[in-house]
Amino acid sequence: MIPGRTELADDKTRRRRRRAVTAAEIIEFLEYLAPPGLAVPDEPYGLQVGALTAPVRCIVVAPLASFDALSTAASRRNSLLITAAPLIREPMPAVRRDNPVGAKIAYLVEHRICLYSLANTYAAAPGGFDDSLAERLGLAATSALLPTNYEPQFKMAVYVPEEALDRVHQAAAEAGAGRIGNYSHCSFQTRGTGTFLPREGASPVVGDVGRLERVNEVRLEMLVPQRELQGVIAAVLHAHPYEEVAYDVYPLRNPGVLYGRGRAGELPLKVSLDTVLAQVQDALGVESIRCSHRPDFPIGSLAVASGVSDGLLWQAMRAGAGAFVVGSASLEDLMLADGSTTVLIDVGFPKSVTPGLSRLSAQLRGTFEGDGIEIVFCP
């Protein structure tokens, strides 16, 4: 697993409690987990059917917009169906019932079901589809096969009176500031003197209107990822005792949290292909698995990628993986794998994204169940 941000969803879960929930609020949470701005182009995502203002009482999570998933959503009121793959992949000149996609769109509209397709960043994001698949297979993945993007980082500096330093520092950290790798609450603190002159209409916590004040203050500096910036600023302003808070935000060039497709890692022991296949079948509940070939040498490393391979087999081969578990292999992948030292193992799209959707369901449950929202996972 790529270190750094897998715990953020749990933190966000604890902070959010809403009484009335709309599709827009749920989408805001989904896009917090995996910002669409970091997505690889050419993959449709977002709200494909419905309205942002639609009230939601049930969230159905499924790999695809299958009729089983649609009927599950239709059996509840005000449902939002979240899928790992888009139903609508290209512009449609008409919605017709004699077209399989059109028939599903008509069904969604008739039953007032909103449909949201996750951005492909959810596969690449920490804690997303690829990480979850690696974890389910017991793989201690140490790297991404193909880095795709880095989340922009900022540094926030705020000037705090000494007696309020701990409170402001804690509030900023809980909102997501100061995380570096496996460390939290990271900051740099410099003591100095702050000056201010309250003018007419001010209500100063310290000093009097019309008199220049000098106060012992601390400059508190912390790293903040882009998606947490507004929340951190709000938390700092709330915890700070001053009527007017002095703070600065600087964009940084150093890379933030890595987003990347595929995961690779070493197995504890070299094992036969049959052992690997048995582990995959048991972990994912797969009845049949398609393999490119059966080598006579043991496998010591494994690579995984949820969903469509998107050319990641070549990256797995370059990484020296003994086997590559993927959700959907192309004909080109099969030809590339034939005779190579990397065995291609195709488990099917739904099974490859199921661990990630299961985790997402738990995150949604922890965030919105307190608002009376039912969460249904439909594998």
Protein backbone atom coordinates (compact mmCIF):
# COMPACT_ATOMS: atom_id res chain seq x y z
CA MET A 1 0.00 0.00 0.00
CA ILE A 2 1.21 3.51 -0.74
CA PRO A 3 1.67 5.15 2.69
CA GLY A 4 0.42 8.55 3.68
CA ARG A 5 -3.34 8.99 3.34
CA THR A 6 -5.32 5.81 3.84
CA GLU A 7 -6.44 6.98 7.29
CA LEU A 8 -7.89 10.27 6.01
CA ALA A 9 -11.23 8.77 5.10
CA ASP A 10 -11.71 7.56 8.67
CA ASP A 11 -10.87 11.06 9.98
CA LYS A 12 -13.34 12.62 7.54
CA THR A 13 -15.94 10.06 8.60
CA ARG A 14 -15.70 11.14 12.22
CA ARG A 15 -16.01 14.82 11.36
CA ARG A 16 -19.09 14.65 9.13
CA ARG A 17 -22.56 14.27 10.58
CA ARG A 18 -25.51 15.68 8.65
CA ARG A 19 -29.24 15.43 9.21
CA ALA A 20 -30.51 15.99 5.67
CA VAL A 21 -28.44 14.44 2.91
CA THR A 22 -28.53 15.20 -0.82
CA ALA A 23 -26.72 13.56 -3.70
CA ALA A 24 -24.37 16.56 -3.80
CA GLU A 25 -23.21 15.96 -0.21
CA ILE A 26 -22.45 12.30 -0.88
CA ILE A 27 -20.60 13.19 -4.08
CA GLU A 28 -18.58 15.76 -2.14
CA PHE A 29 -17.42 12.96 0.17
CA LEU A 30 -16.63 10.61 -2.73
CA GLU A 31 -14.55 13.27 -4.45
CA TYR A 32 -12.77 14.01 -1.19
CA LEU A 33 -11.60 10.39 -1.12
CA ALA A 34 -10.34 10.57 -4.70
CA PRO A 35 -10.23 14.08 -6.25
CA PRO A 36 -11.38 13.89 -9.89
CA GLY A 37 -8.87 16.62 -10.76
CA LEU A 38 -6.16 13.94 -10.51
CA ALA A 39 -7.98 11.55 -12.84
CA VAL A 40 -6.47 10.12 -16.02
CA PRO A 41 -8.37 11.59 -19.01
CA ASP A 42 -10.80 9.79 -21.31
CA GLU A 43 -12.77 7.97 -18.62
CA PRO A 44 -16.29 9.34 -17.93
CA TYR A 45 -17.24 9.82 -14.29
CA GLY A 46 -19.62 11.74 -12.09
CA LEU A 47 -23.39 12.00 -11.75
CA GLN A 48 -24.71 10.40 -14.95
CA VAL A 49 -28.41 10.22 -14.06
CA GLY A 50 -30.35 12.32 -11.54
CA ALA A 51 -29.91 15.68 -9.84
CA LEU A 52 -27.41 17.00 -7.30
CA THR A 53 -30.28 18.32 -5.20
CA ALA A 54 -32.05 14.96 -5.04
CA PRO A 55 -32.62 13.69 -1.48
CA VAL A 56 -30.96 10.38 -0.69
CA ARG A 57 -32.20 7.77 1.77
CA CYS A 58 -30.33 4.75 0.43
CA ILE A 59 -26.92 4.31 -1.18
CA VAL A 60 -26.37 1.17 -3.27
CA VAL A 61 -22.74 0.36 -4.11
CA ALA A 62 -22.05 -2.02 -7.00
CA PRO A 63 -19.29 -2.81 -9.54
CA LEU A 64 -21.55 -2.18 -12.53
CA ALA A 65 -24.98 -0.74 -13.26
CA SER A 66 -26.42 -4.23 -13.64
CA PHE A 67 -30.16 -4.87 -13.50
CA ASP A 68 -29.59 -6.62 -10.18
CA ALA A 69 -28.07 -3.42 -8.79
CA LEU A 70 -30.79 -1.32 -10.40
CA SER A 71 -33.60 -3.47 -8.95
CA THR A 72 -31.95 -3.32 -5.51
CA ALA A 73 -31.93 0.47 -5.72
CA ALA A 74 -35.50 0.55 -7.02
CA SER A 75 -36.74 -1.46 -4.03
CA ARG A 76 -35.73 1.47 -1.77
CA ARG A 77 -36.87 5.07 -1.82
CA ASN A 78 -34.63 7.92 -3.01
CA SER A 79 -31.67 5.74 -3.93
CA LEU A 80 -28.22 6.71 -5.16
CA LEU A 81 -26.42 3.98 -7.09
CA ILE A 82 -22.61 4.23 -7.02
CA THR A 83 -20.71 2.13 -9.56
CA ALA A 84 -17.05 1.46 -10.31
CA ALA A 85 -17.57 1.83 -14.07
CA PRO A 86 -19.66 4.34 -16.03
CA LEU A 87 -22.93 3.33 -17.66
CA ILE A 88 -22.73 6.14 -20.23
CA ARG A 89 -19.36 6.12 -21.99
CA GLU A 90 -20.10 8.37 -24.98
CA PRO A 91 -22.72 10.93 -26.04
CA MET A 92 -26.08 9.36 -26.86
CA PRO A 93 -28.28 10.94 -29.56
CA ALA A 94 -31.35 9.24 -28.09
CA VAL A 95 -32.46 7.20 -25.08
CA ARG A 96 -34.29 4.16 -26.47
CA ARG A 97 -35.66 1.15 -24.65
CA ASP A 98 -34.48 -1.21 -27.39
CA ASN A 99 -30.91 -0.21 -26.55
CA PRO A 100 -29.41 -1.93 -23.46
CA VAL A 101 -27.92 1.29 -22.10
CA GLY A 102 -31.02 3.29 -22.99
CA ALA A 103 -33.23 0.75 -21.23
CA LYS A 104 -31.20 1.12 -18.03
CA ILE A 105 -31.27 4.91 -18.22
CA ALA A 106 -35.06 4.83 -18.65
CA TYR A 107 -35.34 2.47 -15.66
CA LEU A 108 -33.23 4.78 -13.50
CA VAL A 109 -35.31 7.82 -14.44
CA GLU A 110 -38.66 6.05 -13.91
CA HIS A 111 -37.65 4.86 -10.44
CA ARG A 112 -36.01 8.19 -9.46
CA ILE A 113 -32.61 6.57 -8.97
CA CYS A 114 -29.50 8.73 -9.17
CA LEU A 115 -26.44 7.11 -10.77
CA TYR A 116 -22.89 8.16 -9.92
CA SER A 117 -19.81 6.64 -11.57
CA LEU A 118 -16.60 6.82 -9.55
CA ALA A 119 -13.66 8.62 -11.15
CA ASN A 120 -10.71 6.46 -12.13
CA THR A 121 -8.73 8.21 -9.39
CA TYR A 122 -10.46 5.85 -6.97
CA ALA A 123 -8.39 3.02 -8.44
CA ALA A 124 -5.17 5.01 -8.04
CA ALA A 125 -5.91 6.76 -4.73
CA PRO A 126 -4.50 5.54 -1.42
CA GLY A 127 -7.06 3.16 0.05
CA GLY A 128 -8.82 2.80 -3.31
CA PHE A 129 -9.40 -0.17 -5.61
CA ASP A 130 -5.75 -1.12 -6.18
CA ASP A 131 -4.74 -0.83 -2.53
CA SER A 132 -7.81 -2.76 -1.41
CA LEU A 133 -7.17 -5.55 -3.91
CA ALA A 134 -3.54 -5.86 -2.76
CA GLU A 135 -4.63 -5.99 0.88
CA ARG A 136 -7.32 -8.61 0.21
CA LEU A 137 -4.67 -10.82 -1.43
CA GLY A 138 -2.35 -10.35 1.53
CA LEU A 139 0.22 -8.49 -0.57
CA ALA A 140 2.39 -5.99 1.27
CA ALA A 141 2.65 -3.73 -1.77
CA THR A 142 5.56 -1.32 -1.64
CA SER A 143 5.11 0.67 -4.84
CA ALA A 144 2.76 1.70 -7.62
CA LEU A 145 3.32 0.15 -11.03
CA LEU A 146 2.60 3.43 -12.80
CA PRO A 147 2.62 6.79 -10.94
CA THR A 148 -0.13 8.98 -12.41
CA ASN A 149 -0.18 12.15 -10.34
CA TYR A 150 0.72 13.86 -7.09
CA GLU A 151 -1.75 15.79 -4.97
CA PRO A 152 -0.60 19.44 -4.67
CA GLN A 153 0.75 20.50 -1.28
CA PHE A 154 0.52 23.82 0.54
CA LYS A 155 2.13 25.23 3.63
CA MET A 156 0.00 27.18 6.05
CA ALA A 157 1.57 29.58 8.55
CA VAL A 158 -0.60 31.08 11.28
CA TYR A 159 0.37 33.42 14.11
CA VAL A 160 -1.00 32.26 17.46
CA PRO A 161 -0.73 33.65 21.02
CA GLU A 162 1.29 31.22 23.13
CA GLU A 163 -1.58 30.26 25.42
CA ALA A 164 -3.69 29.12 22.43
CA LEU A 165 -0.92 27.28 20.55
CA ASP A 166 -1.81 23.74 21.60
CA ARG A 167 -5.50 24.23 20.80
CA VAL A 168 -4.88 25.65 17.31
CA HIS A 169 -2.19 23.04 16.57
CA GLN A 170 -4.53 20.20 17.52
CA ALA A 171 -7.42 21.64 15.51
CA ALA A 172 -5.26 21.97 12.39
CA ALA A 173 -3.89 18.43 12.77
CA GLU A 174 -7.35 16.91 13.22
CA ALA A 175 -8.49 18.71 10.06
CA GLY A 176 -5.71 17.07 8.03
CA ALA A 177 -2.68 19.37 8.33
CA GLY A 178 0.80 18.22 9.31
CA ARG A 179 0.77 14.70 7.85
CA ILE A 180 4.08 13.47 6.43
CA GLY A 181 4.19 9.79 5.56
CA ASN A 182 3.22 7.80 8.65
CA TYR A 183 3.55 10.82 10.94
CA SER A 184 0.86 13.29 12.00
CA HIS A 185 0.87 16.63 13.88
CA CYS A 186 4.11 17.63 12.10
CA SER A 187 4.81 21.35 12.47
CA PHE A 188 7.50 23.99 12.95
CA GLN A 189 7.03 26.64 15.61
CA THR A 190 8.91 29.94 15.91
CA ARG A 191 8.38 32.38 18.76
CA GLY A 192 8.32 36.12 18.22
CA THR A 193 6.41 39.33 18.85
CA GLY A 194 3.18 40.25 17.12
CA THR A 195 1.90 43.84 16.95
CA PHE A 196 -1.54 45.26 16.25
CA LEU A 197 -3.52 48.40 16.89
CA PRO A 198 -7.27 47.84 17.37
CA ARG A 199 -9.24 50.50 15.50
CA GLU A 200 -12.75 51.83 16.04
CA GLY A 201 -15.30 49.01 15.86
CA ALA A 202 -12.83 46.26 16.83
CA SER A 203 -13.43 43.90 19.76
CA PRO A 204 -9.90 42.78 20.66
CA VAL A 205 -9.28 39.77 22.90
CA VAL A 206 -6.09 41.45 24.05
CA GLY A 207 -5.55 45.20 24.49
CA ASP A 208 -7.72 48.25 23.95
CA VAL A 209 -9.01 50.20 20.97
CA GLY A 210 -6.59 52.91 19.89
CA ARG A 211 -3.52 51.47 21.66
CA LEU A 212 -0.66 49.61 19.96
CA GLU A 213 -0.21 46.16 21.46
CA ARG A 214 2.77 43.80 21.51
CA VAL A 215 2.01 40.14 22.18
CA ASN A 216 4.18 37.03 22.49
CA GLU A 217 3.09 34.85 19.58
CA VAL A 218 4.16 31.67 17.78
CA ARG A 219 4.37 31.22 14.03
CA LEU A 220 2.88 27.75 13.48
CA GLU A 221 3.76 26.16 10.11
CA MET A 222 2.17 22.95 8.79
CA LEU A 223 1.89 21.11 5.47
CA VAL A 224 -1.64 20.85 4.05
CA PRO A 225 -2.78 18.75 1.04
CA GLN A 226 -4.97 20.57 -1.45
CA ARG A 227 -8.19 18.74 -0.62
CA GLU A 228 -7.85 19.57 3.09
CA LEU A 229 -6.92 23.25 2.70
CA GLN A 230 -10.33 24.85 3.18
CA GLY A 231 -11.18 22.53 6.06
CA VAL A 232 -7.88 23.29 7.81
CA ILE A 233 -8.36 27.04 7.41
CA ALA A 234 -11.88 26.77 8.85
CA ALA A 235 -10.64 24.67 11.79
CA VAL A 236 -7.83 27.13 12.56
CA LEU A 237 -10.15 30.14 12.42
CA HIS A 238 -12.59 28.39 14.74
CA ALA A 239 -9.93 27.44 17.30
CA HIS A 240 -8.03 30.74 17.18
CA PRO A 241 -8.94 33.27 19.91
CA TYR A 242 -8.41 36.41 17.82
CA GLU A 243 -11.16 38.33 16.09
CA GLU A 244 -8.94 38.70 13.00
CA VAL A 245 -6.50 35.85 12.34
CA ALA A 246 -3.24 36.45 10.47
CA TYR A 247 -2.26 33.47 8.33
CA ASP A 248 -0.44 32.77 5.07
CA VAL A 249 -0.86 29.94 2.54
CA TYR A 250 2.03 29.05 0.21
CA PRO A 251 1.88 26.66 -2.78
CA LEU A 252 4.74 24.15 -2.75
CA ARG A 253 6.65 22.40 -5.51
CA ASN A 254 7.58 19.33 -3.49
CA PRO A 255 5.31 16.39 -4.43
CA GLY A 256 2.40 15.48 -2.21
CA VAL A 257 0.59 12.18 -1.86
CA LEU A 258 1.26 9.83 -4.77
CA TYR A 259 -1.58 8.61 -6.95
CA GLY A 260 -0.63 5.62 -9.07
CA ARG A 261 -2.14 2.60 -10.84
CA GLY A 262 -1.32 -0.95 -9.88
CA ARG A 263 0.59 -2.27 -6.88
CA ALA A 264 3.62 -4.57 -6.68
CA GLY A 265 5.37 -6.38 -3.86
CA GLU A 266 7.37 -9.44 -2.86
CA LEU A 267 5.73 -12.59 -1.52
CA PRO A 268 7.00 -13.93 1.84
CA LEU A 269 8.07 -17.15 0.12
CA LYS A 270 8.42 -18.34 -3.45
CA VAL A 271 5.44 -20.53 -4.25
CA SER A 272 3.99 -22.42 -7.18
CA LEU A 273 1.42 -20.89 -9.52
CA ASP A 274 -1.20 -23.30 -8.15
CA THR A 275 -0.63 -21.85 -4.67
CA VAL A 276 -1.04 -18.32 -5.99
CA LEU A 277 -4.23 -19.26 -7.84
CA ALA A 278 -5.68 -20.94 -4.74
CA GLN A 279 -4.94 -17.82 -2.69
CA VAL A 280 -6.59 -15.57 -5.29
CA GLN A 281 -9.66 -17.80 -5.57
CA ASP A 282 -10.07 -18.00 -1.80
CA ALA A 283 -9.54 -14.26 -1.19
CA LEU A 284 -11.80 -13.02 -3.99
CA GLY A 285 -14.35 -15.82 -4.17
CA VAL A 286 -13.53 -16.48 -7.82
CA GLU A 287 -14.83 -19.77 -9.22
CA SER A 288 -12.74 -19.78 -12.39
CA ILE A 289 -9.58 -17.91 -13.31
CA ARG A 290 -8.02 -17.35 -16.73
CA CYS A 291 -4.22 -17.65 -16.89
CA SER A 292 -2.00 -16.78 -19.82
CA HIS A 293 0.37 -19.74 -19.27
CA ARG A 294 1.72 -22.06 -16.58
CA PRO A 295 5.46 -21.72 -15.90
CA ASP A 296 7.47 -24.45 -14.20
CA PHE A 297 9.30 -21.99 -11.90
CA PRO A 298 8.10 -20.66 -8.49
CA ILE A 299 6.64 -17.16 -8.12
CA GLY A 300 8.28 -14.77 -5.68
CA SER A 301 6.60 -11.46 -6.46
CA LEU A 302 3.11 -10.32 -7.36
CA ALA A 303 1.55 -7.30 -9.04
CA VAL A 304 -2.15 -6.38 -9.00
CA ALA A 305 -4.42 -3.87 -10.72
CA SER A 306 -8.17 -3.51 -10.41
CA GLY A 307 -10.42 -3.11 -13.40
CA VAL A 308 -9.03 -2.82 -16.91
CA SER A 309 -5.28 -3.36 -17.22
CA ASP A 310 -4.67 -0.15 -19.25
CA GLY A 311 -1.24 -1.34 -20.36
CA LEU A 312 -0.13 -2.11 -16.80
CA LEU A 313 1.00 -5.64 -17.74
CA TRP A 314 4.07 -4.15 -19.38
CA GLN A 315 4.81 -2.23 -16.15
CA ALA A 316 4.39 -5.45 -14.14
CA MET A 317 6.80 -7.24 -16.45
CA ARG A 318 9.36 -4.43 -16.11
CA ALA A 319 9.00 -4.67 -12.33
CA GLY A 320 9.87 -8.38 -12.54
CA ALA A 321 6.55 -9.60 -11.15
CA GLY A 322 6.10 -13.36 -11.27
CA ALA A 323 2.36 -12.95 -11.73
CA PHE A 324 -0.01 -10.07 -12.46
CA VAL A 325 -3.60 -10.20 -11.13
CA VAL A 326 -5.93 -7.94 -13.11
CA GLY A 327 -9.65 -7.36 -13.45
CA SER A 328 -9.89 -7.32 -17.22
CA ALA A 329 -7.14 -8.40 -19.60
CA SER A 330 -7.17 -7.40 -23.25
CA LEU A 331 -6.23 -9.53 -26.24
CA GLU A 332 -3.02 -7.51 -26.47
CA ASP A 333 -2.26 -8.42 -22.84
CA LEU A 334 -2.71 -12.12 -23.59
CA MET A 335 -0.35 -11.94 -26.54
CA LEU A 336 2.20 -9.94 -24.54
CA ALA A 337 2.10 -12.38 -21.62
CA ASP A 338 2.47 -15.48 -23.77
CA GLY A 339 5.96 -16.82 -23.22
CA SER A 340 6.96 -14.08 -20.76
CA THR A 341 8.13 -14.64 -17.19
CA THR A 342 5.04 -12.84 -15.83
CA VAL A 343 1.86 -14.89 -15.60
CA LEU A 344 -1.30 -12.94 -16.42
CA ILE A 345 -4.19 -13.84 -14.08
CA ASP A 346 -7.60 -12.43 -15.08
CA VAL A 347 -10.17 -12.50 -12.24
CA GLY A 348 -12.88 -10.41 -13.92
CA PHE A 349 -13.77 -6.77 -13.43
CA PRO A 350 -16.38 -7.13 -10.64
CA LYS A 351 -14.20 -9.34 -8.45
CA SER A 352 -11.21 -7.02 -8.81
CA VAL A 353 -13.09 -3.95 -7.57
CA THR A 354 -15.15 -5.72 -4.88
CA PRO A 355 -12.56 -5.23 -2.07
CA GLY A 356 -12.42 -1.50 -2.80
CA LEU A 357 -16.20 -1.18 -2.98
CA SER A 358 -16.51 -3.08 0.29
CA ARG A 359 -14.16 -0.57 1.94
CA LEU A 360 -16.06 2.33 0.35
CA SER A 361 -19.35 0.94 1.70
CA ALA A 362 -17.88 0.89 5.21
CA GLN A 363 -16.68 4.47 4.84
CA LEU A 364 -20.09 5.61 3.60
CA ARG A 365 -21.76 3.73 6.43
CA GLY A 366 -19.56 5.40 9.03
CA THR A 367 -20.20 8.83 7.53
CA PHE A 368 -23.89 8.82 6.60
CA GLU A 369 -25.58 6.03 8.55
CA GLY A 370 -26.04 8.43 11.47
CA ASP A 371 -28.24 10.52 9.15
CA GLY A 372 -30.57 7.58 8.59
CA ILE A 373 -29.02 6.61 5.24
CA GLU A 374 -29.09 2.89 4.42
CA ILE A 375 -25.93 1.57 2.77
CA VAL A 376 -26.32 -1.55 0.60
CA PHE A 377 -23.36 -3.32 -0.99
CA CYS A 378 -24.41 -5.27 -4.08
CA PRO A 379 -21.36 -7.29 -5.29
